[in-house]
Amino acid sequence: MEYNNFIDNLNEISNSENILLNEPMKKHTSFKIGGNADIFIEPSSVEEMIQVIKLCHKHKVPYHVMGNGSNLLISDKGIRGVVLKTFNYLNNVEVYQNIIESQSGALLSKIANVALKNGLRGLEFASGIPGTLGGAIVMNAGAYGGETKDVIIETRYVNEDGEICIVVGDQHQFGYRTSIFQGTKKFIISSKFHLEYGDQNEIKAKMQQLNQRRRDKQPLEFPSAGSIFRRPEGYYAGKLIEDSGLKGYKIGGAEVSTKHCGFIVNTGDATAQNVLDLIEHIQRTVKQKFDVELKTEVKMIGER
């Protein structure tokens, strides 16, 4: 695809230092896997983000929005078009009594720590989740009995036409690892959390306890994208995989974690194809042994 005119227009919108060509996506994902993005941009404001999205529509250039890449598997062939990363700039967090308002690029751990400092409880479950708010809203991220839907009351977003819209309460259509934003091109600007006042020491103790559980049970020492599979109803994906004899099973540099079988880890030189082949092998094996279909939780982007 010819991008010359498009890039000229981009330079009128965004600081050239924030526009990178043929950027290796392995530098921007927790899996440390992925080919190059044609154009990689870190918009410095919501207004700039909207202008870039409108420009993409005008030139019919595909685009993808990402936070800090903690739940992504990028194709070895890379991503055509534009990747917009919100993490480094769109990450402001404000507190208004027991309401926290955060931009989509803020890490959940940062928001949880802001809640802690202000004696607000309800986000303890999120303190160790590595993703950003935007991703958490899209997939209703959760852990240890808590979910994003439990605390979110309002979300501002940009629709496919570049217009700013708001959803409140049940309009988010939260479900298990899904929301109204799942599978759309809507870009989340910010959300509001409604939290309860609590004892700061108790909040801190619970966060420490949950984070220790995470360190004890999850392979945080290796690059990964977190849990690869959704929890099938009535089962646990990790146990099904382990009971299928797949603990430590490896294809190329991709391995079923020996610490938690619900994770696929990059042992150093894994490709996206290694991961995809391993996912398919796990799905086939679990289906054959237990007649259970495992569906992926990780988001896959780019051509296979």
Protein backbone atom coordinates (compact mmCIF):
# COMPACT_ATOMS: atom_id res chain seq x y z
CA MET A 1 0.00 0.00 0.00
CA GLU A 2 1.26 3.47 -0.88
CA TYR A 3 1.38 5.69 2.21
CA ASN A 4 3.27 8.79 1.03
CA ASN A 5 0.35 11.25 0.95
CA PHE A 6 -1.12 9.71 4.07
CA ILE A 7 2.13 10.16 6.01
CA ASP A 8 2.42 13.76 4.81
CA ASN A 9 -1.04 14.39 6.27
CA LEU A 10 -0.08 12.55 9.47
CA ASN A 11 2.89 14.84 9.98
CA GLU A 12 0.49 17.78 9.96
CA ILE A 13 -1.46 16.19 12.83
CA SER A 14 1.15 14.47 14.97
CA ASN A 15 4.69 15.17 16.12
CA SER A 16 7.00 13.32 13.73
CA GLU A 17 8.84 11.84 16.73
CA ASN A 18 5.65 9.98 17.61
CA ILE A 19 5.35 8.40 14.16
CA LEU A 20 7.46 5.33 13.43
CA LEU A 21 7.59 3.36 10.18
CA ASN A 22 8.08 -0.42 10.03
CA GLU A 23 8.12 -0.60 13.82
CA PRO A 24 8.76 -4.09 15.29
CA MET A 25 5.69 -4.97 17.32
CA LYS A 26 7.65 -7.39 19.49
CA LYS A 27 8.89 -4.25 21.25
CA HIS A 28 5.34 -3.35 22.24
CA THR A 29 3.75 -6.62 23.41
CA SER A 30 4.18 -8.59 26.63
CA PHE A 31 4.62 -11.73 24.48
CA LYS A 32 7.71 -10.14 22.82
CA ILE A 33 6.41 -11.54 19.52
CA GLY A 34 5.31 -9.95 16.25
CA GLY A 35 6.33 -8.56 12.89
CA ASN A 36 6.44 -4.90 11.92
CA ALA A 37 3.61 -2.37 11.86
CA ASP A 38 3.57 -0.27 8.69
CA ILE A 39 2.93 2.90 10.71
CA PHE A 40 3.11 3.14 14.50
CA ILE A 41 1.79 6.24 16.27
CA GLU A 42 1.58 7.36 19.90
CA PRO A 43 -0.97 10.20 19.89
CA SER A 44 -0.32 12.79 22.59
CA SER A 45 -3.98 13.75 23.09
CA VAL A 46 -7.52 12.55 22.50
CA GLU A 47 -8.00 15.25 19.87
CA GLU A 48 -4.95 14.00 17.98
CA MET A 49 -6.24 10.44 18.22
CA ILE A 50 -9.57 11.46 16.70
CA GLN A 51 -7.86 13.33 13.87
CA VAL A 52 -5.68 10.31 13.04
CA ILE A 53 -8.70 7.97 13.02
CA LYS A 54 -10.62 10.33 10.72
CA LEU A 55 -7.57 10.51 8.44
CA CYS A 56 -7.45 6.71 8.32
CA HIS A 57 -11.11 6.64 7.28
CA LYS A 58 -10.51 9.30 4.62
CA HIS A 59 -7.60 7.40 3.06
CA LYS A 60 -9.15 3.97 3.70
CA VAL A 61 -6.15 2.94 5.77
CA PRO A 62 -6.85 0.18 8.34
CA TYR A 63 -5.99 0.95 11.96
CA HIS A 64 -5.73 -0.83 15.30
CA VAL A 65 -5.80 0.70 18.78
CA MET A 66 -3.69 -0.85 21.55
CA GLY A 67 -2.80 -0.12 25.18
CA ASN A 68 0.44 -1.69 26.37
CA GLY A 69 0.05 -4.94 24.42
CA SER A 70 -0.49 -7.30 27.36
CA ASN A 71 -3.19 -9.41 25.71
CA LEU A 72 -2.05 -9.38 22.08
CA LEU A 73 -0.52 -11.89 19.71
CA ILE A 74 0.80 -10.08 16.63
CA SER A 75 1.32 -11.99 13.39
CA ASP A 76 4.88 -12.70 12.23
CA LYS A 77 3.87 -10.87 9.03
CA GLY A 78 3.14 -7.75 11.06
CA ILE A 79 0.24 -5.32 10.77
CA ARG A 80 -0.80 -3.45 7.67
CA GLY A 81 -1.91 0.14 8.15
CA VAL A 82 -1.69 2.07 11.41
CA VAL A 83 -1.22 1.02 15.02
CA LEU A 84 -2.24 3.62 17.62
CA LYS A 85 -0.74 3.09 21.08
CA THR A 86 -2.39 4.90 23.99
CA PHE A 87 -0.20 3.75 26.86
CA ASN A 88 2.49 6.44 27.08
CA TYR A 89 0.29 9.54 26.76
CA LEU A 90 -3.41 8.94 27.36
CA ASN A 91 -2.96 7.79 30.95
CA ASN A 92 -4.22 10.57 33.24
CA VAL A 93 -6.07 9.55 36.45
CA GLU A 94 -8.21 11.94 38.54
CA VAL A 95 -10.07 11.44 41.84
CA TYR A 96 -13.34 13.14 42.82
CA GLN A 97 -14.29 11.93 46.30
CA ASN A 98 -15.11 8.23 45.75
CA ILE A 99 -15.16 8.51 41.94
CA ILE A 100 -12.02 7.86 39.90
CA GLU A 101 -11.89 9.00 36.29
CA SER A 102 -9.11 7.55 34.15
CA GLN A 103 -8.02 7.78 30.55
CA SER A 104 -7.88 4.54 28.60
CA GLY A 105 -4.08 4.27 28.42
CA ALA A 106 -3.58 4.11 32.20
CA LEU A 107 -2.47 0.78 33.63
CA LEU A 108 -4.99 -0.92 35.90
CA SER A 109 -2.23 -1.26 38.49
CA LYS A 110 -1.75 2.53 38.44
CA ILE A 111 -5.49 3.14 38.90
CA ALA A 112 -5.62 0.60 41.74
CA ASN A 113 -2.71 2.35 43.47
CA VAL A 114 -4.46 5.71 43.14
CA ALA A 115 -7.51 4.11 44.79
CA LEU A 116 -5.30 2.79 47.59
CA LYS A 117 -3.73 6.19 48.27
CA ASN A 118 -7.22 7.69 48.54
CA GLY A 119 -8.60 4.96 50.81
CA LEU A 120 -10.97 3.60 48.15
CA ARG A 121 -11.74 -0.10 47.89
CA GLY A 122 -13.07 -2.15 44.98
CA LEU A 123 -10.04 -2.28 42.70
CA GLU A 124 -7.85 -4.64 44.71
CA PHE A 125 -8.43 -7.41 42.15
CA ALA A 126 -6.98 -5.20 39.41
CA SER A 127 -3.73 -4.25 41.14
CA GLY A 128 -1.74 -7.03 39.45
CA ILE A 129 -3.44 -7.10 36.05
CA PRO A 130 -0.83 -5.87 33.53
CA GLY A 131 -3.24 -4.30 31.02
CA THR A 132 -4.58 -0.81 30.50
CA LEU A 133 -8.06 0.49 31.27
CA GLY A 134 -9.09 0.45 27.60
CA GLY A 135 -8.39 -3.25 27.23
CA ALA A 136 -10.02 -3.97 30.58
CA ILE A 137 -13.24 -2.28 29.47
CA VAL A 138 -13.31 -4.06 26.10
CA MET A 139 -12.95 -7.53 27.62
CA ASN A 140 -14.36 -6.92 31.11
CA ALA A 141 -11.06 -7.96 32.66
CA GLY A 142 -11.21 -9.69 36.00
CA ALA A 143 -9.28 -11.70 38.56
CA TYR A 144 -9.77 -13.31 41.97
CA GLY A 145 -13.53 -12.79 42.05
CA GLY A 146 -13.54 -9.17 40.85
CA GLU A 147 -14.45 -7.83 37.41
CA THR A 148 -14.27 -4.46 35.70
CA LYS A 149 -18.07 -4.38 35.41
CA ASP A 150 -18.36 -4.30 39.21
CA VAL A 151 -16.93 -0.78 39.46
CA ILE A 152 -17.42 0.99 36.10
CA ILE A 153 -20.31 3.45 35.86
CA GLU A 154 -19.56 5.45 32.69
CA THR A 155 -17.35 5.31 29.61
CA ARG A 156 -16.57 7.96 27.00
CA TYR A 157 -15.54 6.69 23.59
CA VAL A 158 -15.08 7.68 19.97
CA ASN A 159 -17.32 5.83 17.51
CA GLU A 160 -16.41 4.69 14.00
CA ASP A 161 -17.34 8.12 12.60
CA GLY A 162 -15.03 9.99 14.97
CA GLU A 163 -17.85 11.23 17.23
CA ILE A 164 -17.53 11.29 21.04
CA CYS A 165 -20.22 9.18 22.76
CA ILE A 166 -21.01 8.02 26.30
CA VAL A 167 -22.39 4.76 27.72
CA VAL A 168 -23.49 4.36 31.33
CA GLY A 169 -24.28 1.38 33.55
CA ASP A 170 -25.89 -1.57 31.76
CA GLN A 171 -25.29 0.08 28.38
CA HIS A 172 -21.75 -1.34 28.58
CA GLN A 173 -23.32 -4.79 28.02
CA PHE A 174 -20.63 -6.41 30.13
CA GLY A 175 -20.44 -10.20 30.10
CA TYR A 176 -17.75 -12.79 30.69
CA ARG A 177 -14.70 -11.26 28.98
CA THR A 178 -16.83 -9.12 26.71
CA SER A 179 -18.59 -5.75 26.40
CA ILE A 180 -20.31 -3.54 23.85
CA PHE A 181 -16.84 -2.59 22.57
CA GLN A 182 -15.70 -6.14 21.78
CA GLY A 183 -14.98 -6.61 18.08
CA THR A 184 -15.65 -2.97 17.15
CA LYS A 185 -13.52 0.00 16.10
CA LYS A 186 -14.81 2.13 18.97
CA PHE A 187 -11.92 3.83 20.78
CA ILE A 188 -12.32 4.23 24.53
CA ILE A 189 -11.30 7.67 25.83
CA SER A 190 -11.94 7.32 29.55
CA SER A 191 -14.08 5.67 32.20
CA LYS A 192 -15.39 6.46 35.67
CA PHE A 193 -15.14 4.06 38.61
CA HIS A 194 -17.51 4.19 41.56
CA LEU A 195 -15.65 2.90 44.62
CA GLU A 196 -16.35 2.64 48.34
CA TYR A 197 -14.39 4.19 51.19
CA GLY A 198 -12.37 1.67 53.14
CA ASP A 199 -9.47 1.18 55.52
CA GLN A 200 -6.22 1.91 53.70
CA ASN A 201 -4.27 -0.78 55.58
CA GLU A 202 -6.88 -3.42 54.77
CA ILE A 203 -6.93 -2.41 51.10
CA LYS A 204 -3.13 -2.59 50.94
CA ALA A 205 -3.04 -5.97 52.67
CA LYS A 206 -5.57 -7.44 50.23
CA MET A 207 -3.62 -6.10 47.24
CA GLN A 208 -0.40 -7.60 48.58
CA GLN A 209 -2.12 -10.94 49.20
CA LEU A 210 -3.56 -11.13 45.69
CA ASN A 211 -0.30 -10.06 44.07
CA GLN A 212 1.59 -12.71 46.02
CA ARG A 213 -0.89 -15.33 44.80
CA ARG A 214 -0.26 -14.13 41.27
CA ARG A 215 3.52 -14.39 41.66
CA ASP A 216 3.22 -17.86 43.20
CA LYS A 217 0.91 -19.30 40.54
CA GLN A 218 1.68 -17.50 37.30
CA PRO A 219 4.82 -17.68 35.11
CA LEU A 220 5.66 -13.99 35.38
CA GLU A 221 9.33 -14.73 34.69
CA PHE A 222 8.56 -15.44 30.99
CA PRO A 223 6.97 -13.28 28.29
CA SER A 224 3.32 -14.23 27.78
CA ALA A 225 -0.09 -12.75 27.03
CA GLY A 226 -1.67 -13.91 30.26
CA SER A 227 -4.37 -16.57 30.15
CA ILE A 228 -4.62 -17.86 26.60
CA PHE A 229 -8.06 -19.42 26.91
CA ARG A 230 -11.41 -18.33 28.31
CA ARG A 231 -12.73 -20.39 31.19
CA PRO A 232 -15.10 -23.02 29.75
CA GLU A 233 -18.34 -23.33 31.69
CA GLY A 234 -17.97 -25.87 34.48
CA TYR A 235 -14.23 -26.31 33.98
CA TYR A 236 -10.85 -24.61 34.33
CA ALA A 237 -8.82 -24.37 31.13
CA GLY A 238 -5.49 -24.83 32.91
CA LYS A 239 -6.60 -28.07 34.61
CA LEU A 240 -8.02 -29.50 31.37
CA ILE A 241 -4.73 -28.78 29.63
CA GLU A 242 -2.67 -30.30 32.45
CA ASP A 243 -4.93 -33.37 32.64
CA SER A 244 -4.42 -33.77 28.90
CA GLY A 245 -0.71 -34.31 29.57
CA LEU A 246 0.34 -31.05 27.93
CA LYS A 247 2.27 -29.40 30.77
CA GLY A 248 5.59 -28.28 29.28
CA TYR A 249 4.53 -29.25 25.73
CA LYS A 250 6.51 -27.15 23.29
CA ILE A 251 6.36 -26.08 19.66
CA GLY A 252 9.39 -24.05 18.67
CA GLY A 253 9.91 -21.42 21.36
CA ALA A 254 6.28 -21.54 22.55
CA GLU A 255 5.62 -23.69 25.61
CA VAL A 256 2.69 -24.64 27.82
CA SER A 257 3.84 -23.21 31.14
CA THR A 258 4.97 -25.77 33.69
CA LYS A 259 3.80 -23.37 36.41
CA HIS A 260 0.27 -22.73 35.11
CA CYS A 261 -1.01 -24.66 32.08
CA GLY A 262 -3.45 -21.88 31.19
CA PHE A 263 -0.46 -19.85 30.01
CA ILE A 264 1.64 -20.20 26.87
CA VAL A 265 5.07 -18.66 27.41
CA ASN A 266 7.76 -17.43 25.04
CA THR A 267 10.92 -19.26 26.11
CA GLY A 268 13.08 -16.89 24.09
CA ASP A 269 12.59 -17.27 20.35
CA ALA A 270 8.92 -18.10 19.86
CA THR A 271 7.14 -16.93 16.73
CA ALA A 272 3.47 -16.11 16.43
CA GLN A 273 3.07 -19.22 14.29
CA ASN A 274 4.60 -21.34 17.06
CA VAL A 275 1.98 -19.96 19.46
CA LEU A 276 -0.89 -20.46 17.01
CA ASP A 277 0.19 -24.03 16.27
CA LEU A 278 0.42 -24.74 19.99
CA ILE A 279 -3.03 -23.22 20.61
CA GLU A 280 -4.53 -25.44 17.91
CA HIS A 281 -2.78 -28.53 19.29
CA ILE A 282 -4.11 -27.81 22.78
CA GLN A 283 -7.64 -27.25 21.46
CA ARG A 284 -7.60 -30.51 19.49
CA THR A 285 -6.20 -32.52 22.39
CA VAL A 286 -8.63 -31.19 25.00
CA LYS A 287 -11.54 -31.69 22.61
CA GLN A 288 -10.51 -35.32 21.99
CA LYS A 289 -9.96 -36.14 25.67
CA PHE A 290 -12.77 -34.20 27.35
CA ASP A 291 -15.10 -33.07 24.53
CA VAL A 292 -14.62 -29.46 25.68
CA GLU A 293 -13.95 -26.63 23.24
CA LEU A 294 -11.41 -24.09 24.43
CA LYS A 295 -11.87 -20.56 23.07
CA THR A 296 -9.02 -18.09 23.05
CA GLU A 297 -8.94 -15.03 25.25
CA VAL A 298 -5.85 -13.48 23.67
CA LYS A 299 -6.48 -11.08 20.78
CA MET A 300 -4.74 -12.02 17.54
CA ILE A 301 -3.92 -9.30 15.01
CA GLY A 302 -2.46 -9.50 11.50
CA GLU A 303 -2.32 -11.99 8.65
CA ARG A 304 -1.44 -15.58 9.43
